[in-house]
C-alpha atoms as a PDB file:
ATOM      1  CA  MET A   1      47.767  43.141 101.186  1.00  0.00           C
ATOM      2  CA  ALA A   2      50.995  43.950  99.937  1.00  0.00           C
ATOM      3  CA  LYS A   3      53.340  44.134 102.972  1.00  0.00           C
ATOM      4  CA  PRO A   4      54.481  48.013 103.658  1.00  0.00           C
ATOM      5  CA  GLU A   5      57.977  48.736 102.342  1.00  0.00           C
ATOM      6  CA  LEU A   6      60.577  51.112 104.515  1.00  0.00           C
ATOM      7  CA  PRO A   7      60.750  54.137 103.148  1.00  0.00           C
ATOM      8  CA  ASP A   8      64.619  54.937 101.635  1.00  0.00           C
ATOM      9  CA  GLU A   9      65.923  57.171 104.082  1.00  0.00           C
ATOM     10  CA  ILE A  10      64.939  54.492 106.555  1.00  0.00           C
ATOM     11  CA  LEU A  11      66.408  52.016 104.689  1.00  0.00           C
ATOM     12  CA  VAL A  12      69.908  53.667 103.930  1.00  0.00           C
ATOM     13  CA  ASP A  13      69.896  54.376 107.514  1.00  0.00           C
ATOM     14  CA  ILE A  14      70.020  50.950 109.091  1.00  0.00           C
ATOM     15  CA  VAL A  15      72.521  49.665 106.169  1.00  0.00           C
ATOM     16  CA  ARG A  16      74.776  52.292 106.907  1.00  0.00           C
ATOM     17  CA  ARG A  17      74.653  51.462 110.830  1.00  0.00           C
ATOM     18  CA  VAL A  18      75.339  48.167 110.124  1.00  0.00           C
ATOM     19  CA  GLY A  19      78.229  48.838 107.608  1.00  0.00           C
ATOM     20  CA  LYS A  20      79.863  50.570 110.378  1.00  0.00           C
ATOM     21  CA  ALA A  21      79.662  47.616 112.548  1.00  0.00           C
ATOM     22  CA  SER A  22      81.532  45.795 109.858  1.00  0.00           C
ATOM     23  CA  CYS A  23      81.604  45.888 105.877  1.00  0.00           C
ATOM     24  CA  LEU A  24      81.076  42.206 105.825  1.00  0.00           C
ATOM     25  CA  HIS A  25      77.921  42.077 107.773  1.00  0.00           C
ATOM     26  CA  MET A  26      76.049  44.145 104.207  1.00  0.00           C
ATOM     27  CA  GLY A  27      76.141  40.834 102.004  1.00  0.00           C
ATOM     28  CA  ALA A  28      72.614  40.503 103.173  1.00  0.00           C
ATOM     29  CA  PHE A  29      71.538  43.305 101.715  1.00  0.00           C
ATOM     30  CA  LEU A  30      73.163  42.978  98.664  1.00  0.00           C
ATOM     31  CA  ARG A  31      71.656  39.575  98.159  1.00  0.00           C
ATOM     32  CA  ALA A  32      68.115  41.145  98.909  1.00  0.00           C
ATOM     33  CA  GLY A  33      68.009  42.295  95.022  1.00  0.00           C
ATOM     34  CA  SER A  34      68.465  45.773  93.371  1.00  0.00           C
ATOM     35  CA  ARG A  35      66.984  47.673  96.332  1.00  0.00           C
ATOM     36  CA  GLY A  36      70.045  46.426  98.720  1.00  0.00           C
ATOM     37  CA  LEU A  37      72.470  47.060  96.218  1.00  0.00           C
ATOM     38  CA  VAL A  38      71.692  50.530  95.501  1.00  0.00           C
ATOM     39  CA  GLN A  39      71.647  51.404  99.477  1.00  0.00           C
ATOM     40  CA  VAL A  40      74.890  49.639 100.208  1.00  0.00           C
ATOM     41  CA  TYR A  41      76.579  51.591  97.158  1.00  0.00           C
ATOM     42  CA  SER A  42      75.017  54.713  98.433  1.00  0.00           C
ATOM     43  CA  LYS A  43      77.518  57.188  98.970  1.00  0.00           C
ATOM     44  CA  GLU A  44      76.221  58.040 102.791  1.00  0.00           C
ATOM     45  CA  VAL A  45      77.232  54.192 103.354  1.00  0.00           C
ATOM     46  CA  LEU A  46      80.328  53.545 101.778  1.00  0.00           C
ATOM     47  CA  MET A  47      82.108  56.619 103.220  1.00  0.00           C
ATOM     48  CA  GLU A  48      81.340  55.237 106.649  1.00  0.00           C
ATOM     49  CA  ALA A  49      81.869  51.504 106.167  1.00  0.00           C
ATOM     50  CA  ASN A  50      84.044  50.109 108.699  1.00  0.00           C
ATOM     51  CA  LEU A  51      86.615  48.240 106.341  1.00  0.00           C
ATOM     52  CA  ASP A  52      88.863  46.662 109.096  1.00  0.00           C
ATOM     53  CA  GLU A  53      87.843  43.147 108.541  1.00  0.00           C
ATOM     54  CA  LEU A  54      88.506  43.243 104.793  1.00  0.00           C
ATOM     55  CA  CYS A  55      91.876  45.288 105.031  1.00  0.00           C
ATOM     56  CA  VAL A  56      93.132  43.121 107.904  1.00  0.00           C
ATOM     57  CA  GLU A  57      94.439  40.636 105.138  1.00  0.00           C
ATOM     58  CA  PRO A  58      95.513  43.094 102.588  1.00  0.00           C
ATOM     59  CA  PRO A  59      96.036  40.713  99.540  1.00  0.00           C
ATOM     60  CA  GLN A  60      91.931  40.964  99.583  1.00  0.00           C
ATOM     61  CA  ILE A  61      92.600  44.189  97.893  1.00  0.00           C
ATOM     62  CA  PHE A  62      95.314  44.049  95.708  1.00  0.00           C
ATOM     63  CA  SER A  63      94.813  45.667  92.416  1.00  0.00           C
ATOM     64  CA  LYS A  64      95.495  43.204  89.423  1.00  0.00           C
ATOM     65  CA  SER A  65      99.321  43.558  88.429  1.00  0.00           C
ATOM     66  CA  ILE A  66     101.691  41.912  86.602  1.00  0.00           C
ATOM     67  CA  ASN A  67     105.348  41.212  87.852  1.00  0.00           C
ATOM     68  CA  PRO A  68     107.894  43.040  85.739  1.00  0.00           C
ATOM     69  CA  ILE A  69     110.433  40.564  85.962  1.00  0.00           C
ATOM     70  CA  ASN A  70     108.738  37.327  85.293  1.00  0.00           C
ATOM     71  CA  GLY A  71     105.658  38.225  83.576  1.00  0.00           C
ATOM     72  CA  PHE A  72     103.449  36.467  86.461  1.00  0.00           C
ATOM     73  CA  ILE A  73      99.980  38.108  86.406  1.00  0.00           C
ATOM     74  CA  PHE A  74      98.765  38.725  89.775  1.00  0.00           C
ATOM     75  CA  GLU A  75      95.017  38.826  89.924  1.00  0.00           C
ATOM     76  CA  ALA A  76      92.752  41.488  91.939  1.00  0.00           C
ATOM     77  CA  GLY A  77      91.734  40.687  95.490  1.00  0.00           C
ATOM     78  CA  LEU A  78      88.430  39.502  95.808  1.00  0.00           C
ATOM     79  CA  GLY A  79      87.482  42.642  98.155  1.00  0.00           C
ATOM     80  CA  ARG A  80      89.130  44.801  95.520  1.00  0.00           C
ATOM     81  CA  CYS A  81      86.091  46.056  93.589  1.00  0.00           C
ATOM     82  CA  PHE A  82      84.021  46.944  96.661  1.00  0.00           C
ATOM     83  CA  PHE A  83      87.415  48.547  98.155  1.00  0.00           C
ATOM     84  CA  GLU A  84      87.560  50.686  95.440  1.00  0.00           C
ATOM     85  CA  ARG A  85      83.821  51.866  95.720  1.00  0.00           C
ATOM     86  CA  CYS A  86      84.475  52.845  99.108  1.00  0.00           C
ATOM     87  CA  LEU A  87      87.753  54.592  97.794  1.00  0.00           C
ATOM     88  CA  HIS A  88      85.927  56.840  95.532  1.00  0.00           C
ATOM     89  CA  TYR A  89      83.994  58.308  98.497  1.00  0.00           C
ATOM     90  CA  GLU A  90      87.041  58.672 100.264  1.00  0.00           C
ATOM     91  CA  ASN A  91      86.602  56.413 103.056  1.00  0.00           C
ATOM     92  CA  PRO A  92      89.155  57.167 105.167  1.00  0.00           C
ATOM     93  CA  THR A  93      90.417  53.509 106.067  1.00  0.00           C
ATOM     94  CA  ALA A  94      90.242  52.765 102.234  1.00  0.00           C
ATOM     95  CA  VAL A  95      92.554  56.228 101.425  1.00  0.00           C
ATOM     96  CA  TYR A  96      95.135  54.815 104.417  1.00  0.00           C
ATOM     97  CA  PHE A  97      94.953  51.537 103.156  1.00  0.00           C
ATOM     98  CA  GLU A  98      95.624  52.316  99.600  1.00  0.00           C
ATOM     99  CA  SER A  99      98.622  54.803 100.265  1.00  0.00           C
ATOM    100  CA  LEU A 100     100.209  51.810 102.006  1.00  0.00           C
ATOM    101  CA  ARG A 101      99.540  49.764  98.770  1.00  0.00           C
ATOM    102  CA  LEU A 102     101.225  52.416  96.338  1.00  0.00           C
ATOM    103  CA  VAL A 103     103.935  52.713  98.356  1.00  0.00           C
ATOM    104  CA  THR A 104     104.586  49.025  98.762  1.00  0.00           C
ATOM    105  CA  ARG A 105     103.310  47.163  95.888  1.00  0.00           C
ATOM    106  CA  GLU A 106     104.294  50.152  93.493  1.00  0.00           C
ATOM    107  CA  GLN A 107     106.909  52.160  95.083  1.00  0.00           C
ATOM    108  CA  ASP A 108     104.686  55.023  93.954  1.00  0.00           C
ATOM    109  CA  LEU A 109     105.957  57.332  96.534  1.00  0.00           C
ATOM    110  CA  ASP A 110     104.132  60.495  94.756  1.00  0.00           C
ATOM    111  CA  GLY A 111     100.705  58.622  94.430  1.00  0.00           C
ATOM    112  CA  ALA A 112     100.642  57.657  98.292  1.00  0.00           C
ATOM    113  CA  LEU A 113     101.413  60.953  99.585  1.00  0.00           C
ATOM    114  CA  ALA A 114      98.521  62.675  97.486  1.00  0.00           C
ATOM    115  CA  MET A 115      96.679  59.823  98.202  1.00  0.00           C
ATOM    116  CA  VAL A 116      96.735  59.887 102.355  1.00  0.00           C
ATOM    117  CA  ALA A 117      97.092  63.769 102.535  1.00  0.00           C
ATOM    118  CA  SER A 118      93.402  64.355 102.804  1.00  0.00           C
ATOM    119  CA  LEU A 119      93.702  62.401 106.491  1.00  0.00           C
ATOM    120  CA  VAL A 120      96.110  64.914 107.644  1.00  0.00           C
ATOM    121  CA  PRO A 121      96.439  65.623 110.470  1.00  0.00           C
ATOM    122  CA  TYR A 122      92.678  64.214 111.289  1.00  0.00           C
ATOM    123  CA  TYR A 123      93.903  60.261 111.758  1.00  0.00           C
ATOM    124  CA  SER A 124      96.723  59.342 113.805  1.00  0.00           C
ATOM    125  CA  SER A 125      98.277  56.269 111.765  1.00  0.00           C
ATOM    126  CA  PRO A 126      97.486  58.004 108.352  1.00  0.00           C
ATOM    127  CA  THR A 127      99.540  61.443 109.759  1.00  0.00           C
ATOM    128  CA  PHE A 128     102.276  59.498 111.055  1.00  0.00           C
ATOM    129  CA  ALA A 129     102.939  57.312 107.681  1.00  0.00           C
ATOM    130  CA  TYR A 130     102.584  60.734 105.977  1.00  0.00           C
ATOM    131  CA  ALA A 131     105.381  62.327 107.772  1.00  0.00           C
ATOM    132  CA  MET A 132     107.172  59.367 107.118  1.00  0.00           C
ATOM    133  CA  PHE A 133     106.500  58.915 103.344  1.00  0.00           C
ATOM    134  CA  LEU A 134     107.574  63.079 103.165  1.00  0.00           C
ATOM    135  CA  LEU A 135     110.906  62.013 104.760  1.00  0.00           C
ATOM    136  CA  CYS A 136     111.021  59.205 101.849  1.00  0.00           C
ATOM    137  CA  ALA A 137     110.718  61.465  99.150  1.00  0.00           C
ATOM    138  CA  GLY A 138     113.478  64.052 100.488  1.00  0.00           C
ATOM    139  CA  LYS A 139     110.860  66.789 101.426  1.00  0.00           C
ATOM    140  CA  PHE A 140     112.609  67.447 105.060  1.00  0.00           C
ATOM    141  CA  GLU A 141     110.702  70.781 105.741  1.00  0.00           C
ATOM    142  CA  ILE A 142     107.565  69.744 104.966  1.00  0.00           C
ATOM    143  CA  ALA A 143     108.083  66.548 107.308  1.00  0.00           C
ATOM    144  CA  ASP A 144     109.313  68.264 109.819  1.00  0.00           C
ATOM    145  CA  GLU A 145     106.100  70.737 109.686  1.00  0.00           C
ATOM    146  CA  ILE A 146     103.920  67.422 109.557  1.00  0.00           C
ATOM    147  CA  PHE A 147     105.915  65.815 112.616  1.00  0.00           C
ATOM    148  CA  LYS A 148     105.497  69.302 114.452  1.00  0.00           C
ATOM    149  CA  THR A 149     101.341  69.119 113.933  1.00  0.00           C
ATOM    150  CA  PHE A 150     101.421  65.210 114.554  1.00  0.00           C
ATOM    151  CA  PHE A 151     103.184  65.949 118.199  1.00  0.00           C
ATOM    152  CA  VAL A 152     100.441  68.664 119.101  1.00  0.00           C
ATOM    153  CA  VAL A 153      97.462  66.880 117.873  1.00  0.00           C
ATOM    154  CA  HIS A 154      98.101  63.455 118.771  1.00  0.00           C
ATOM    155  CA  ALA A 155     100.965  62.201 120.773  1.00  0.00           C
ATOM    156  CA  CYS A 156     103.659  64.210 122.093  1.00  0.00           C
ATOM    157  CA  GLU A 157     107.175  62.964 120.937  1.00  0.00           C
ATOM    158  CA  ARG A 158     108.980  60.554 122.873  1.00  0.00           C
ATOM    159  CA  THR A 159     106.115  59.133 124.445  1.00  0.00           C
ATOM    160  CA  LYS A 160     104.305  55.326 125.132  1.00  0.00           C
ATOM    161  CA  GLU A 161     101.513  56.652 122.262  1.00  0.00           C
ATOM    162  CA  ILE A 162     104.385  57.406 119.377  1.00  0.00           C
ATOM    163  CA  ARG A 163     105.380  53.784 120.272  1.00  0.00           C
ATOM    164  CA  GLU A 164     101.782  52.810 119.524  1.00  0.00           C
ATOM    165  CA  ILE A 165     101.149  54.438 116.672  1.00  0.00           C
ATOM    166  CA  GLY A 166     104.297  53.713 114.842  1.00  0.00           C
ATOM    167  CA  GLU A 167     103.963  49.921 115.392  1.00  0.00           C
ATOM    168  CA  LYS A 168     100.250  49.921 114.051  1.00  0.00           C
ATOM    169  CA  LEU A 169     101.684  51.455 110.908  1.00  0.00           C
ATOM    170  CA  PHE A 170     104.676  48.759 111.289  1.00  0.00           C
ATOM    171  CA  GLU A 171     102.392  46.059 111.520  1.00  0.00           C
ATOM    172  CA  ASP A 172      99.476  47.581 108.546  1.00  0.00           C
ATOM    173  CA  PHE A 173     102.669  47.799 106.147  1.00  0.00           C
ATOM    174  CA  LYS A 174     103.726  44.214 106.744  1.00  0.00           C
ATOM    175  CA  GLY A 175     100.523  42.719 105.345  1.00  0.00           C
ATOM    176  CA  PHE A 176     101.503  44.419 101.878  1.00  0.00           C
ATOM    177  CA  TYR A 177     104.708  42.113 101.858  1.00  0.00           C
ATOM    178  CA  PRO A 178     107.185  45.151 101.016  1.00  0.00           C
ATOM    179  CA  PRO A 179     110.172  45.299  99.438  1.00  0.00           C
ATOM    180  CA  SER A 180     113.574  44.904 101.354  1.00  0.00           C
ATOM    181  CA  GLN A 181     114.860  47.792 103.535  1.00  0.00           C
ATOM    182  CA  ASN A 182     116.434  50.846 102.121  1.00  0.00           C
ATOM    183  CA  THR A 183     113.728  51.159  98.915  1.00  0.00           C
ATOM    184  CA  PHE A 184     114.340  55.003  99.353  1.00  0.00           C
ATOM    185  CA  GLY A 185     117.384  54.891 100.842  1.00  0.00           C
ATOM    186  CA  ASP A 186     119.012  57.250  98.647  1.00  0.00           C
ATOM    187  CA  LYS A 187     116.397  60.028  99.705  1.00  0.00           C
ATOM    188  CA  TRP A 188     115.550  59.254 103.289  1.00  0.00           C
ATOM    189  CA  VAL A 189     117.330  61.339 106.001  1.00  0.00           C
ATOM    190  CA  TYR A 190     116.618  61.195 109.682  1.00  0.00           C
ATOM    191  CA  LEU A 191     115.503  65.099 110.867  1.00  0.00           C
ATOM    192  CA  ASN A 192     117.774  66.530 113.578  1.00  0.00           C
ATOM    193  CA  THR A 193     115.791  69.843 114.013  1.00  0.00           C
ATOM    194  CA  ASP A 194     114.248  71.140 117.214  1.00  0.00           C
ATOM    195  CA  THR A 195     111.094  68.996 116.283  1.00  0.00           C
ATOM    196  CA  LEU A 196     112.617  65.744 115.827  1.00  0.00           C
ATOM    197  CA  SER A 197     116.213  65.573 117.429  1.00  0.00           C
ATOM    198  CA  PHE A 198     118.926  62.722 117.877  1.00  0.00           C
ATOM    199  CA  PRO A 199     118.344  61.075 121.243  1.00  0.00           C
ATOM    200  CA  GLU A 200     121.001  60.922 123.486  1.00  0.00           C
ATOM    201  CA  CYS A 201     120.713  57.355 123.974  1.00  0.00           C
ATOM    202  CA  ALA A 202     120.769  56.538 119.996  1.00  0.00           C
ATOM    203  CA  GLN A 203     124.399  55.246 120.371  1.00  0.00           C
ATOM    204  CA  TRP A 204     124.103  52.538 123.177  1.00  0.00           C
ATOM    205  CA  HIS A 205     121.092  50.592 123.164  1.00  0.00           C
ATOM    206  CA  TYR A 206     118.522  48.652 120.999  1.00  0.00           C
ATOM    207  CA  TYR A 207     114.851  49.775 120.592  1.00  0.00           C
ATOM    208  CA  ARG A 208     113.518  46.545 121.837  1.00  0.00           C
ATOM    209  CA  ILE A 209     114.246  47.393 125.815  1.00  0.00           C
ATOM    210  CA  SER A 210     111.208  49.937 124.908  1.00  0.00           C
ATOM    211  CA  CYS A 211     112.923  53.471 125.256  1.00  0.00           C
ATOM    212  CA  ASP A 212     110.527  55.839 124.106  1.00  0.00           C
ATOM    213  CA  ASP A 213     113.201  58.334 123.565  1.00  0.00           C
ATOM    214  CA  TYR A 214     115.147  56.039 121.212  1.00  0.00           C
ATOM    215  CA  TYR A 215     111.733  54.924 118.952  1.00  0.00           C
ATOM    216  CA  LEU A 216     111.306  57.345 116.093  1.00  0.00           C
ATOM    217  CA  PHE A 217     115.252  57.191 116.071  1.00  0.00           C
ATOM    218  CA  TRP A 218     114.856  53.405 114.988  1.00  0.00           C
ATOM    219  CA  CYS A 219     111.870  54.272 112.898  1.00  0.00           C
ATOM    220  CA  TYR A 220     114.560  55.697 110.842  1.00  0.00           C
ATOM    221  CA  PHE A 221     116.716  52.391 110.537  1.00  0.00           C
ATOM    222  CA  ALA A 222     113.795  50.687 109.749  1.00  0.00           C
ATOM    223  CA  GLY A 223     112.565  52.730 107.005  1.00  0.00           C
END
C-alpha cells in the first residue's frame, strides 16, 4: 500500500514555518528530492525565511567580483545563490544586507538607496541606514524627512533606543570589511535642523561615555 503524501498546501506551510525559524534548517527538504526543492524555493517560503544565521557572516553572501587594482577574483560566497533567490522575492533581511553590500563592497550608493527604500519606514535598522545613506549622497532635505519619520515610528531622538539601532547598523557594516572612513566625505554633512540639531555637549566629550545626546553627532564622524 502506497504511503499517502501530504497535500502541497500543508507541506509548503511546514517548510515555511521551518524557514521562519532559520533558513539553515531547510536543508533536509532540499535533499528530499524535487518536491522539497519546489517548496523551499517557493515565494511563500523565501520571502519570510529567517536569514540571520546566513547573514551573520557576510562573506557567505558576497557576489563574485574582481579587484580593480590587482585583478584578483573573489568567488561568490557559498550562500549567495540562495540569498539571491530570497532577494528576488524581496525578503526584508536580504534586501537590507544587500544594500549594505552594495554600499561597502561596490561603493554603489545609488543602488543601495534604491534597494533599501522599500523597507522604509517599516523596519528600524533599514530606515536608519537609509537616512545615513541619504546624508552620504548629499540629499539632505530627504534625509531630514526620513529622520523625522524615524523618530516618530522607531525611537525618539537622543534616547537609548537610537544608540541600540545605530550600534546594530555599525556591527552589520563591519562584516562587509568596509573601506576606510570618509569614503563619501565630499558630500557628507551633519544636519543642523529642527529635526537633527547639534548637541550642546558635542564639543567637550567623547561618544563612548554613552551620552544619548551625542550619539547621532558621533555617527557623523564615523561615517
